[in-house]
Amino acid sequence: MTCDEYLNDPEANAAHLETCEVCRVLESEDLDVAVEPRPMNLDALPLAAWEGASHRTWPLVGAGVVASVTLLIVLSAAAGVSPVAAVSSSLPPLDALMAFLQLTGRAIGGPVIAVLFVVINTILFLLLRRAPKGADV
């Protein structure tokens, strides 16, 4: 009989007090007993979901890419257009795109970088100031 069985049901396992000194001391009310936790064997614990899981999302991403390319080929064949022509006709001309990027980069580039700098550093500061949880301890 173990101490755990006695602590779970003391009345049914009363004979355990005769053989176990620790449980006898716990049962007496006039003594203060310091209960120390058992050492934990971390190798015996089960793995967390992210530590040893064989499931990865890359097959899903690959299947999505294959499905998208297949749909592109089927729809462009149904329209009688090559897939390259279908993709390139939906994009703006490269020189217009470059002009747009240069214009917006000059107009809002500096303020956007300044705002992003403040936002990212604020997030990092708040993350460093929070109380540690779980594996952080």
C-alpha atoms as a PDB file:
ATOM      1  CA  MET A   1       0.000   0.000   0.000  1.00  0.00           C
ATOM      2  CA  THR A   2       1.331   3.430  -0.899  1.00  0.00           C
ATOM      3  CA  CYS A   3       1.019   6.795   0.762  1.00  0.00           C
ATOM      4  CA  ASP A   4      -1.084   8.074  -2.149  1.00  0.00           C
ATOM      5  CA  GLU A   5      -3.653   5.330  -1.576  1.00  0.00           C
ATOM      6  CA  TYR A   6      -3.813   6.242   2.110  1.00  0.00           C
ATOM      7  CA  LEU A   7      -4.225   9.960   1.389  1.00  0.00           C
ATOM      8  CA  ASN A   8      -6.988   9.253  -1.121  1.00  0.00           C
ATOM      9  CA  ASP A   9      -8.978   7.091   1.296  1.00  0.00           C
ATOM     10  CA  PRO A  10      -7.652   7.230   4.901  1.00  0.00           C
ATOM     11  CA  GLU A  11     -10.509   5.222   6.442  1.00  0.00           C
ATOM     12  CA  ALA A  12     -10.171   2.236   4.111  1.00  0.00           C
ATOM     13  CA  ASN A  13      -6.368   2.204   4.403  1.00  0.00           C
ATOM     14  CA  ALA A  14      -5.998   2.847   8.144  1.00  0.00           C
ATOM     15  CA  ALA A  15      -3.498  -0.010   8.513  1.00  0.00           C
ATOM     16  CA  HIS A  16      -1.003   2.034   6.498  1.00  0.00           C
ATOM     17  CA  LEU A  17      -0.361   4.300   9.519  1.00  0.00           C
ATOM     18  CA  GLU A  18       1.275   1.388  11.355  1.00  0.00           C
ATOM     19  CA  THR A  19       3.943   0.945   8.691  1.00  0.00           C
ATOM     20  CA  CYS A  20       4.581   4.499   7.451  1.00  0.00           C
ATOM     21  CA  GLU A  21       6.144   7.076   9.738  1.00  0.00           C
ATOM     22  CA  VAL A  22       5.566   9.984   7.339  1.00  0.00           C
ATOM     23  CA  CYS A  23       1.828   9.354   7.180  1.00  0.00           C
ATOM     24  CA  ARG A  24       1.694   8.995  10.979  1.00  0.00           C
ATOM     25  CA  VAL A  25       3.323  12.418  11.352  1.00  0.00           C
ATOM     26  CA  LEU A  26       0.920  13.896   8.812  1.00  0.00           C
ATOM     27  CA  GLU A  27      -2.026  12.433  10.691  1.00  0.00           C
ATOM     28  CA  SER A  28      -0.989  13.970  14.006  1.00  0.00           C
ATOM     29  CA  GLU A  29      -2.279  17.517  14.305  1.00  0.00           C
ATOM     30  CA  ASP A  30       0.208  18.966  16.768  1.00  0.00           C
ATOM     31  CA  LEU A  31       3.313  18.790  14.524  1.00  0.00           C
ATOM     32  CA  ASP A  32       4.237  21.034  11.622  1.00  0.00           C
ATOM     33  CA  VAL A  33       5.498  18.988   8.731  1.00  0.00           C
ATOM     34  CA  ALA A  34       7.258  20.454   5.727  1.00  0.00           C
ATOM     35  CA  VAL A  35       6.156  18.569   2.662  1.00  0.00           C
ATOM     36  CA  GLU A  36       8.794  18.590  -0.048  1.00  0.00           C
ATOM     37  CA  PRO A  37       7.765  17.882  -3.608  1.00  0.00           C
ATOM     38  CA  ARG A  38       9.242  14.888  -5.344  1.00  0.00           C
ATOM     39  CA  PRO A  39      11.915  15.595  -7.929  1.00  0.00           C
ATOM     40  CA  MET A  40      10.482  15.680 -11.410  1.00  0.00           C
ATOM     41  CA  ASN A  41      11.960  13.593 -14.194  1.00  0.00           C
ATOM     42  CA  LEU A  42      11.514  15.786 -17.259  1.00  0.00           C
ATOM     43  CA  ASP A  43      12.396  12.937 -19.618  1.00  0.00           C
ATOM     44  CA  ALA A  44       9.375  11.006 -18.364  1.00  0.00           C
ATOM     45  CA  LEU A  45       6.924  13.797 -19.244  1.00  0.00           C
ATOM     46  CA  PRO A  46       5.036  13.597 -22.534  1.00  0.00           C
ATOM     47  CA  LEU A  47       6.160  15.888 -25.326  1.00  0.00           C
ATOM     48  CA  ALA A  48       4.220  19.023 -26.029  1.00  0.00           C
ATOM     49  CA  ALA A  49       2.409  19.308 -29.344  1.00  0.00           C
ATOM     50  CA  TRP A  50       5.110  21.484 -30.893  1.00  0.00           C
ATOM     51  CA  GLU A  51       8.079  19.427 -29.650  1.00  0.00           C
ATOM     52  CA  GLY A  52       7.622  16.107 -31.366  1.00  0.00           C
ATOM     53  CA  ALA A  53       4.622  16.395 -33.596  1.00  0.00           C
ATOM     54  CA  SER A  54       4.948  14.872 -37.015  1.00  0.00           C
ATOM     55  CA  HIS A  55       2.150  17.053 -38.405  1.00  0.00           C
ATOM     56  CA  ARG A  56       3.417  19.950 -40.473  1.00  0.00           C
ATOM     57  CA  THR A  57       1.412  22.407 -42.533  1.00  0.00           C
ATOM     58  CA  TRP A  58       3.733  22.335 -45.559  1.00  0.00           C
ATOM     59  CA  PRO A  59       1.775  19.573 -47.343  1.00  0.00           C
ATOM     60  CA  LEU A  60      -1.315  21.772 -47.073  1.00  0.00           C
ATOM     61  CA  VAL A  61       0.577  24.740 -48.513  1.00  0.00           C
ATOM     62  CA  GLY A  62       1.944  22.586 -51.328  1.00  0.00           C
ATOM     63  CA  ALA A  63      -1.521  21.225 -52.089  1.00  0.00           C
ATOM     64  CA  GLY A  64      -2.882  24.789 -52.217  1.00  0.00           C
ATOM     65  CA  VAL A  65      -0.164  25.881 -54.649  1.00  0.00           C
ATOM     66  CA  VAL A  66      -0.761  22.848 -56.876  1.00  0.00           C
ATOM     67  CA  ALA A  67      -4.534  23.471 -56.801  1.00  0.00           C
ATOM     68  CA  SER A  68      -4.057  27.160 -57.700  1.00  0.00           C
ATOM     69  CA  VAL A  69      -1.725  26.407 -60.604  1.00  0.00           C
ATOM     70  CA  THR A  70      -4.068  23.681 -61.847  1.00  0.00           C
ATOM     71  CA  LEU A  71      -7.015  26.079 -61.690  1.00  0.00           C
ATOM     72  CA  LEU A  72      -4.987  28.711 -63.571  1.00  0.00           C
ATOM     73  CA  ILE A  73      -4.127  26.238 -66.317  1.00  0.00           C
ATOM     74  CA  VAL A  74      -7.705  24.929 -66.618  1.00  0.00           C
ATOM     75  CA  LEU A  75      -9.299  28.392 -66.709  1.00  0.00           C
ATOM     76  CA  SER A  76      -6.763  29.804 -69.162  1.00  0.00           C
ATOM     77  CA  ALA A  77      -7.226  26.751 -71.426  1.00  0.00           C
ATOM     78  CA  ALA A  78     -11.004  27.247 -71.268  1.00  0.00           C
ATOM     79  CA  ALA A  79     -10.545  30.907 -72.236  1.00  0.00           C
ATOM     80  CA  GLY A  80      -8.159  29.990 -75.047  1.00  0.00           C
ATOM     81  CA  VAL A  81      -5.271  32.003 -73.600  1.00  0.00           C
ATOM     82  CA  SER A  82      -1.858  30.789 -72.452  1.00  0.00           C
ATOM     83  CA  PRO A  83      -1.340  30.811 -68.648  1.00  0.00           C
ATOM     84  CA  VAL A  84       1.577  33.260 -68.955  1.00  0.00           C
ATOM     85  CA  ALA A  85      -0.548  35.694 -70.968  1.00  0.00           C
ATOM     86  CA  ALA A  86      -3.398  35.357 -68.445  1.00  0.00           C
ATOM     87  CA  VAL A  87      -1.123  36.255 -65.527  1.00  0.00           C
ATOM     88  CA  SER A  88       0.756  39.033 -67.307  1.00  0.00           C
ATOM     89  CA  SER A  89      -2.416  40.684 -68.595  1.00  0.00           C
ATOM     90  CA  SER A  90      -3.760  41.084 -65.060  1.00  0.00           C
ATOM     91  CA  LEU A  91      -0.622  42.871 -63.811  1.00  0.00           C
ATOM     92  CA  PRO A  92      -0.012  46.573 -64.383  1.00  0.00           C
ATOM     93  CA  PRO A  93       2.867  47.549 -66.673  1.00  0.00           C
ATOM     94  CA  LEU A  94       6.216  47.382 -64.891  1.00  0.00           C
ATOM     95  CA  ASP A  95       7.170  51.029 -65.548  1.00  0.00           C
ATOM     96  CA  ALA A  96       3.860  52.293 -64.111  1.00  0.00           C
ATOM     97  CA  LEU A  97       4.331  50.106 -61.045  1.00  0.00           C
ATOM     98  CA  MET A  98       7.872  51.392 -60.488  1.00  0.00           C
ATOM     99  CA  ALA A  99       6.742  55.010 -60.834  1.00  0.00           C
ATOM    100  CA  PHE A 100       3.956  54.417 -58.304  1.00  0.00           C
ATOM    101  CA  LEU A 101       6.360  52.811 -55.808  1.00  0.00           C
ATOM    102  CA  GLN A 102       8.854  55.658 -56.142  1.00  0.00           C
ATOM    103  CA  LEU A 103       6.151  58.286 -55.661  1.00  0.00           C
ATOM    104  CA  THR A 104       4.632  56.640 -52.594  1.00  0.00           C
ATOM    105  CA  GLY A 105       8.051  55.792 -51.166  1.00  0.00           C
ATOM    106  CA  ARG A 106       9.074  59.435 -51.179  1.00  0.00           C
ATOM    107  CA  ALA A 107       5.723  60.727 -49.960  1.00  0.00           C
ATOM    108  CA  ILE A 108       5.056  58.393 -47.046  1.00  0.00           C
ATOM    109  CA  GLY A 109       8.296  56.438 -46.586  1.00  0.00           C
ATOM    110  CA  GLY A 110       9.833  58.498 -43.782  1.00  0.00           C
ATOM    111  CA  PRO A 111       6.729  58.860 -41.609  1.00  0.00           C
ATOM    112  CA  VAL A 112       5.823  55.193 -42.037  1.00  0.00           C
ATOM    113  CA  ILE A 113       9.302  54.096 -40.979  1.00  0.00           C
ATOM    114  CA  ALA A 114       9.165  56.392 -37.937  1.00  0.00           C
ATOM    115  CA  VAL A 115       5.740  55.114 -36.876  1.00  0.00           C
ATOM    116  CA  LEU A 116       6.777  51.490 -37.377  1.00  0.00           C
ATOM    117  CA  PHE A 117       9.927  52.103 -35.327  1.00  0.00           C
ATOM    118  CA  VAL A 118       7.896  53.437 -32.401  1.00  0.00           C
ATOM    119  CA  VAL A 119       5.238  50.702 -32.644  1.00  0.00           C
ATOM    120  CA  ILE A 120       7.705  47.813 -32.834  1.00  0.00           C
ATOM    121  CA  ASN A 121       9.840  49.135 -29.982  1.00  0.00           C
ATOM    122  CA  THR A 122       6.727  49.693 -27.841  1.00  0.00           C
ATOM    123  CA  ILE A 123       5.652  46.088 -28.428  1.00  0.00           C
ATOM    124  CA  LEU A 124       9.123  44.821 -27.539  1.00  0.00           C
ATOM    125  CA  PHE A 125       9.200  46.981 -24.401  1.00  0.00           C
ATOM    126  CA  LEU A 126       5.791  45.682 -23.276  1.00  0.00           C
ATOM    127  CA  LEU A 127       6.836  42.091 -23.915  1.00  0.00           C
ATOM    128  CA  LEU A 128       9.922  42.562 -21.780  1.00  0.00           C
ATOM    129  CA  ARG A 129       7.941  44.150 -18.945  1.00  0.00           C
ATOM    130  CA  ARG A 130       5.243  41.466 -18.693  1.00  0.00           C
ATOM    131  CA  ALA A 131       5.280  38.789 -16.016  1.00  0.00           C
ATOM    132  CA  PRO A 132       6.907  35.537 -17.145  1.00  0.00           C
ATOM    133  CA  LYS A 133       4.562  32.616 -17.807  1.00  0.00           C
ATOM    134  CA  GLY A 134       5.059  28.930 -18.378  1.00  0.00           C
ATOM    135  CA  ALA A 135       8.365  28.022 -19.996  1.00  0.00           C
ATOM    136  CA  ASP A 136       9.685  31.605 -19.585  1.00  0.00           C
ATOM    137  CA  VAL A 137      10.277  31.051 -15.883  1.00  0.00           C
END
